[in-house]
Amino acid sequence: MRITNDAATLQRSAQQRFLRAVKLHRETMEEKAMMWGLIAFVALALGIVAYAVFAPGN
């Protein structure tokens, strides 16, 4: 196998590395978004429960 350093090969490998990095970044962002969505949902649920328990007039 011959190692080629022509511009097309370098461009192709750079594109492949970039696309892998973008894919990894997207997966990481999706995980963070799901985590923050879950945190917001739990906080909202706790707020509703707290209001139901401590609201005046009960």
PDB file of N, CA and C in Angstrom:
ATOM      1  N   MET A   1       0.850  -1.194   0.000  1.00  0.00           N
ATOM      2  CA  MET A   1       0.000   0.000   0.000  1.00  0.00           C
ATOM      3  C   MET A   1       0.884   1.242   0.000  1.00  0.00           C
ATOM      4  N   ARG A   2       0.581   2.141  -0.916  1.00  0.00           N
ATOM      5  CA  ARG A   2       1.391   3.349  -1.037  1.00  0.00           C
ATOM      6  C   ARG A   2       0.737   4.495  -0.272  1.00  0.00           C
ATOM      7  N   ILE A   3       1.536   5.224   0.459  1.00  0.00           N
ATOM      8  CA  ILE A   3       1.007   6.380   1.194  1.00  0.00           C
ATOM      9  C   ILE A   3       1.009   7.575   0.256  1.00  0.00           C
ATOM     10  N   THR A   4      -0.156   8.180   0.114  1.00  0.00           N
ATOM     11  CA  THR A   4      -0.244   9.345  -0.770  1.00  0.00           C
ATOM     12  C   THR A   4      -0.531  10.574   0.078  1.00  0.00           C
ATOM     13  N   ASN A   5       0.115  11.637  -0.270  1.00  0.00           N
ATOM     14  CA  ASN A   5      -0.099  12.899   0.437  1.00  0.00           C
ATOM     15  C   ASN A   5      -0.629  13.964  -0.501  1.00  0.00           C
ATOM     16  N   ASP A   6      -1.357  13.548  -1.527  1.00  0.00           N
ATOM     17  CA  ASP A   6      -1.881  14.551  -2.439  1.00  0.00           C
ATOM     18  C   ASP A   6      -3.033  15.311  -1.783  1.00  0.00           C
ATOM     19  N   ALA A   7      -3.396  16.414  -2.372  1.00  0.00           N
ATOM     20  CA  ALA A   7      -4.363  17.323  -1.761  1.00  0.00           C
ATOM     21  C   ALA A   7      -5.731  16.670  -1.594  1.00  0.00           C
ATOM     22  N   ALA A   8      -6.146  15.855  -2.556  1.00  0.00           N
ATOM     23  CA  ALA A   8      -7.479  15.244  -2.474  1.00  0.00           C
ATOM     24  C   ALA A   8      -7.562  14.288  -1.292  1.00  0.00           C
ATOM     25  N   THR A   9      -6.494  13.508  -1.071  1.00  0.00           N
ATOM     26  CA  THR A   9      -6.491  12.562   0.047  1.00  0.00           C
ATOM     27  C   THR A   9      -6.512  13.308   1.377  1.00  0.00           C
ATOM     28  N   LEU A  10      -5.698  14.357   1.487  1.00  0.00           N
ATOM     29  CA  LEU A  10      -5.677  15.134   2.731  1.00  0.00           C
ATOM     30  C   LEU A  10      -7.021  15.799   2.980  1.00  0.00           C
ATOM     31  N   GLN A  11      -7.635  16.306   1.912  1.00  0.00           N
ATOM     32  CA  GLN A  11      -8.946  16.946   2.054  1.00  0.00           C
ATOM     33  C   GLN A  11      -9.983  15.938   2.527  1.00  0.00           C
ATOM     34  N   ARG A  12      -9.957  14.722   1.937  1.00  0.00           N
ATOM     35  CA  ARG A  12     -10.916  13.692   2.300  1.00  0.00           C
ATOM     36  C   ARG A  12     -10.749  13.284   3.770  1.00  0.00           C
ATOM     37  N   SER A  13      -9.508  13.090   4.204  1.00  0.00           N
ATOM     38  CA  SER A  13      -9.319  12.670   5.597  1.00  0.00           C
ATOM     39  C   SER A  13      -9.690  13.799   6.560  1.00  0.00           C
ATOM     40  N   ALA A  14      -9.424  15.038   6.173  1.00  0.00           N
ATOM     41  CA  ALA A  14      -9.816  16.154   7.029  1.00  0.00           C
ATOM     42  C   ALA A  14     -11.332  16.237   7.134  1.00  0.00           C
ATOM     43  N   GLN A  15     -12.024  16.021   6.014  1.00  0.00           N
ATOM     44  CA  GLN A  15     -13.486  16.039   6.054  1.00  0.00           C
ATOM     45  C   GLN A  15     -14.023  14.924   6.936  1.00  0.00           C
ATOM     46  N   GLN A  16     -13.419  13.736   6.830  1.00  0.00           N
ATOM     47  CA  GLN A  16     -13.884  12.615   7.645  1.00  0.00           C
ATOM     48  C   GLN A  16     -13.679  12.895   9.129  1.00  0.00           C
ATOM     49  N   ARG A  17     -12.518  13.452   9.491  1.00  0.00           N
ATOM     50  CA  ARG A  17     -12.268  13.804  10.897  1.00  0.00           C
ATOM     51  C   ARG A  17     -13.255  14.848  11.385  1.00  0.00           C
ATOM     52  N   PHE A  18     -13.537  15.848  10.539  1.00  0.00           N
ATOM     53  CA  PHE A  18     -14.471  16.901  10.904  1.00  0.00           C
ATOM     54  C   PHE A  18     -15.873  16.334  11.115  1.00  0.00           C
ATOM     55  N   LEU A  19     -16.316  15.447  10.197  1.00  0.00           N
ATOM     56  CA  LEU A  19     -17.653  14.881  10.324  1.00  0.00           C
ATOM     57  C   LEU A  19     -17.763  14.004  11.566  1.00  0.00           C
ATOM     58  N   ARG A  20     -16.702  13.276  11.907  1.00  0.00           N
ATOM     59  CA  ARG A  20     -16.733  12.484  13.140  1.00  0.00           C
ATOM     60  C   ARG A  20     -16.835  13.386  14.356  1.00  0.00           C
ATOM     61  N   ALA A  21     -16.089  14.503  14.350  1.00  0.00           N
ATOM     62  CA  ALA A  21     -16.147  15.437  15.478  1.00  0.00           C
ATOM     63  C   ALA A  21     -17.536  16.054  15.602  1.00  0.00           C
ATOM     64  N   VAL A  22     -18.147  16.418  14.469  1.00  0.00           N
ATOM     65  CA  VAL A  22     -19.494  16.997  14.497  1.00  0.00           C
ATOM     66  C   VAL A  22     -20.494  15.990  15.039  1.00  0.00           C
ATOM     67  N   LYS A  23     -20.369  14.729  14.624  1.00  0.00           N
ATOM     68  CA  LYS A  23     -21.296  13.695  15.089  1.00  0.00           C
ATOM     69  C   LYS A  23     -21.162  13.496  16.591  1.00  0.00           C
ATOM     70  N   LEU A  24     -19.922  13.438  17.074  1.00  0.00           N
ATOM     71  CA  LEU A  24     -19.697  13.266  18.512  1.00  0.00           C
ATOM     72  C   LEU A  24     -20.252  14.457  19.288  1.00  0.00           C
ATOM     73  N   HIS A  25     -20.029  15.666  18.768  1.00  0.00           N
ATOM     74  CA  HIS A  25     -20.519  16.868  19.436  1.00  0.00           C
ATOM     75  C   HIS A  25     -22.043  16.870  19.487  1.00  0.00           C
ATOM     76  N   ARG A  26     -22.679  16.458  18.383  1.00  0.00           N
ATOM     77  CA  ARG A  26     -24.142  16.429  18.344  1.00  0.00           C
ATOM     78  C   ARG A  26     -24.688  15.439  19.373  1.00  0.00           C
ATOM     79  N   GLU A  27     -24.056  14.251  19.466  1.00  0.00           N
ATOM     80  CA  GLU A  27     -24.511  13.263  20.442  1.00  0.00           C
ATOM     81  C   GLU A  27     -24.348  13.796  21.862  1.00  0.00           C
ATOM     82  N   THR A  28     -23.234  14.475  22.128  1.00  0.00           N
ATOM     83  CA  THR A  28     -23.001  15.035  23.458  1.00  0.00           C
ATOM     84  C   THR A  28     -24.050  16.098  23.779  1.00  0.00           C
ATOM     85  N   MET A  29     -24.353  16.957  22.802  1.00  0.00           N
ATOM     86  CA  MET A  29     -25.352  17.997  23.031  1.00  0.00           C
ATOM     87  C   MET A  29     -26.740  17.388  23.269  1.00  0.00           C
ATOM     88  N   GLU A  30     -27.055  16.311  22.544  1.00  0.00           N
ATOM     89  CA  GLU A  30     -28.354  15.660  22.759  1.00  0.00           C
ATOM     90  C   GLU A  30     -28.445  15.101  24.171  1.00  0.00           C
ATOM     91  N   GLU A  31     -27.344  14.509  24.652  1.00  0.00           N
ATOM     92  CA  GLU A  31     -27.354  13.972  26.013  1.00  0.00           C
ATOM     93  C   GLU A  31     -27.527  15.099  27.035  1.00  0.00           C
ATOM     94  N   LYS A  32     -26.829  16.217  26.824  1.00  0.00           N
ATOM     95  CA  LYS A  32     -26.962  17.339  27.753  1.00  0.00           C
ATOM     96  C   LYS A  32     -28.375  17.910  27.725  1.00  0.00           C
ATOM     97  N   ALA A  33     -28.958  17.993  26.521  1.00  0.00           N
ATOM     98  CA  ALA A  33     -30.312  18.532  26.411  1.00  0.00           C
ATOM     99  C   ALA A  33     -31.310  17.633  27.128  1.00  0.00           C
ATOM    100  N   MET A  34     -31.149  16.317  26.984  1.00  0.00           N
ATOM    101  CA  MET A  34     -32.059  15.399  27.680  1.00  0.00           C
ATOM    102  C   MET A  34     -31.894  15.534  29.196  1.00  0.00           C
ATOM    103  N   MET A  35     -30.640  15.669  29.647  1.00  0.00           N
ATOM    104  CA  MET A  35     -30.397  15.791  31.084  1.00  0.00           C
ATOM    105  C   MET A  35     -31.058  17.071  31.623  1.00  0.00           C
ATOM    106  N   TRP A  36     -30.868  18.199  30.938  1.00  0.00           N
ATOM    107  CA  TRP A  36     -31.452  19.447  31.419  1.00  0.00           C
ATOM    108  C   TRP A  36     -32.970  19.424  31.310  1.00  0.00           C
ATOM    109  N   GLY A  37     -33.506  18.744  30.304  1.00  0.00           N
ATOM    110  CA  GLY A  37     -34.952  18.593  30.203  1.00  0.00           C
ATOM    111  C   GLY A  37     -35.504  17.799  31.374  1.00  0.00           C
ATOM    112  N   LEU A  38     -34.806  16.743  31.755  1.00  0.00           N
ATOM    113  CA  LEU A  38     -35.229  15.943  32.899  1.00  0.00           C
ATOM    114  C   LEU A  38     -35.157  16.762  34.189  1.00  0.00           C
ATOM    115  N   ILE A  39     -34.078  17.530  34.349  1.00  0.00           N
ATOM    116  CA  ILE A  39     -33.942  18.371  35.544  1.00  0.00           C
ATOM    117  C   ILE A  39     -35.083  19.388  35.607  1.00  0.00           C
ATOM    118  N   ALA A  40     -35.405  20.008  34.475  1.00  0.00           N
ATOM    119  CA  ALA A  40     -36.494  20.997  34.446  1.00  0.00           C
ATOM    120  C   ALA A  40     -37.834  20.345  34.780  1.00  0.00           C
ATOM    121  N   PHE A  41     -38.061  19.147  34.258  1.00  0.00           N
ATOM    122  CA  PHE A  41     -39.311  18.445  34.531  1.00  0.00           C
ATOM    123  C   PHE A  41     -39.433  18.120  36.017  1.00  0.00           C
ATOM    124  N   VAL A  42     -38.370  17.627  36.628  1.00  0.00           N
ATOM    125  CA  VAL A  42     -38.397  17.300  38.058  1.00  0.00           C
ATOM    126  C   VAL A  42     -38.606  18.567  38.884  1.00  0.00           C
ATOM    127  N   ALA A  43     -37.934  19.660  38.502  1.00  0.00           N
ATOM    128  CA  ALA A  43     -38.099  20.917  39.234  1.00  0.00           C
ATOM    129  C   ALA A  43     -39.541  21.415  39.137  1.00  0.00           C
ATOM    130  N   LEU A  44     -40.131  21.310  37.958  1.00  0.00           N
ATOM    131  CA  LEU A  44     -41.522  21.721  37.789  1.00  0.00           C
ATOM    132  C   LEU A  44     -42.449  20.862  38.645  1.00  0.00           C
ATOM    133  N   ALA A  45     -42.219  19.549  38.633  1.00  0.00           N
ATOM    134  CA  ALA A  45     -43.051  18.652  39.434  1.00  0.00           C
ATOM    135  C   ALA A  45     -42.918  18.977  40.923  1.00  0.00           C
ATOM    136  N   LEU A  46     -41.698  19.233  41.378  1.00  0.00           N
ATOM    137  CA  LEU A  46     -41.507  19.586  42.794  1.00  0.00           C
ATOM    138  C   LEU A  46     -42.193  20.903  43.125  1.00  0.00           C
ATOM    139  N   GLY A  47     -42.139  21.850  42.199  1.00  0.00           N
ATOM    140  CA  GLY A  47     -42.821  23.123  42.423  1.00  0.00           C
ATOM    141  C   GLY A  47     -44.325  22.949  42.532  1.00  0.00           C
ATOM    142  N   ILE A  48     -44.903  22.116  41.699  1.00  0.00           N
ATOM    143  CA  ILE A  48     -46.355  21.868  41.758  1.00  0.00           C
ATOM    144  C   ILE A  48     -46.726  21.196  43.073  1.00  0.00           C
ATOM    145  N   VAL A  49     -45.931  20.214  43.479  1.00  0.00           N
ATOM    146  CA  VAL A  49     -46.202  19.526  44.748  1.00  0.00           C
ATOM    147  C   VAL A  49     -46.063  20.494  45.913  1.00  0.00           C
ATOM    148  N   ALA A  50     -45.017  21.308  45.903  1.00  0.00           N
ATOM    149  CA  ALA A  50     -44.820  22.270  46.990  1.00  0.00           C
ATOM    150  C   ALA A  50     -45.981  23.260  47.044  1.00  0.00           C
ATOM    151  N   TYR A  51     -46.449  23.720  45.888  1.00  0.00           N
ATOM    152  CA  TYR A  51     -47.572  24.646  45.878  1.00  0.00           C
ATOM    153  C   TYR A  51     -48.831  23.967  46.420  1.00  0.00           C
ATOM    154  N   ALA A  52     -49.052  22.729  46.033  1.00  0.00           N
ATOM    155  CA  ALA A  52     -50.238  22.011  46.504  1.00  0.00           C
ATOM    156  C   ALA A  52     -50.192  21.814  48.016  1.00  0.00           C
ATOM    157  N   VAL A  53     -48.990  21.618  48.562  1.00  0.00           N
ATOM    158  CA  VAL A  53     -48.868  21.365  49.996  1.00  0.00           C
ATOM    159  C   VAL A  53     -48.931  22.666  50.787  1.00  0.00           C
ATOM    160  N   PHE A  54     -48.239  23.687  50.315  1.00  0.00           N
ATOM    161  CA  PHE A  54     -48.074  24.902  51.131  1.00  0.00           C
ATOM    162  C   PHE A  54     -48.937  26.071  50.703  1.00  0.00           C
ATOM    163  N   ALA A  55     -49.800  25.893  49.696  1.00  0.00           N
ATOM    164  CA  ALA A  55     -50.613  27.010  49.235  1.00  0.00           C
ATOM    165  C   ALA A  55     -51.589  27.436  50.338  1.00  0.00           C
ATOM    166  N   PRO A  56     -51.794  28.731  50.496  1.00  0.00           N
ATOM    167  CA  PRO A  56     -52.752  29.184  51.509  1.00  0.00           C
ATOM    168  C   PRO A  56     -54.181  28.813  51.101  1.00  0.00           C
ATOM    169  N   GLY A  57     -54.990  28.540  52.089  1.00  0.00           N
ATOM    170  CA  GLY A  57     -56.374  28.219  51.820  1.00  0.00           C
ATOM    171  C   GLY A  57     -56.674  26.735  51.801  1.00  0.00           C
ATOM    172  N   ASN A  58     -55.665  25.914  52.122  1.00  0.00           N
ATOM    173  CA  ASN A  58     -55.932  24.458  52.162  1.00  0.00           C
ATOM    174  C   ASN A  58     -56.386  24.067  53.552  1.00  0.00           C
TER     175      ASN A  58
END
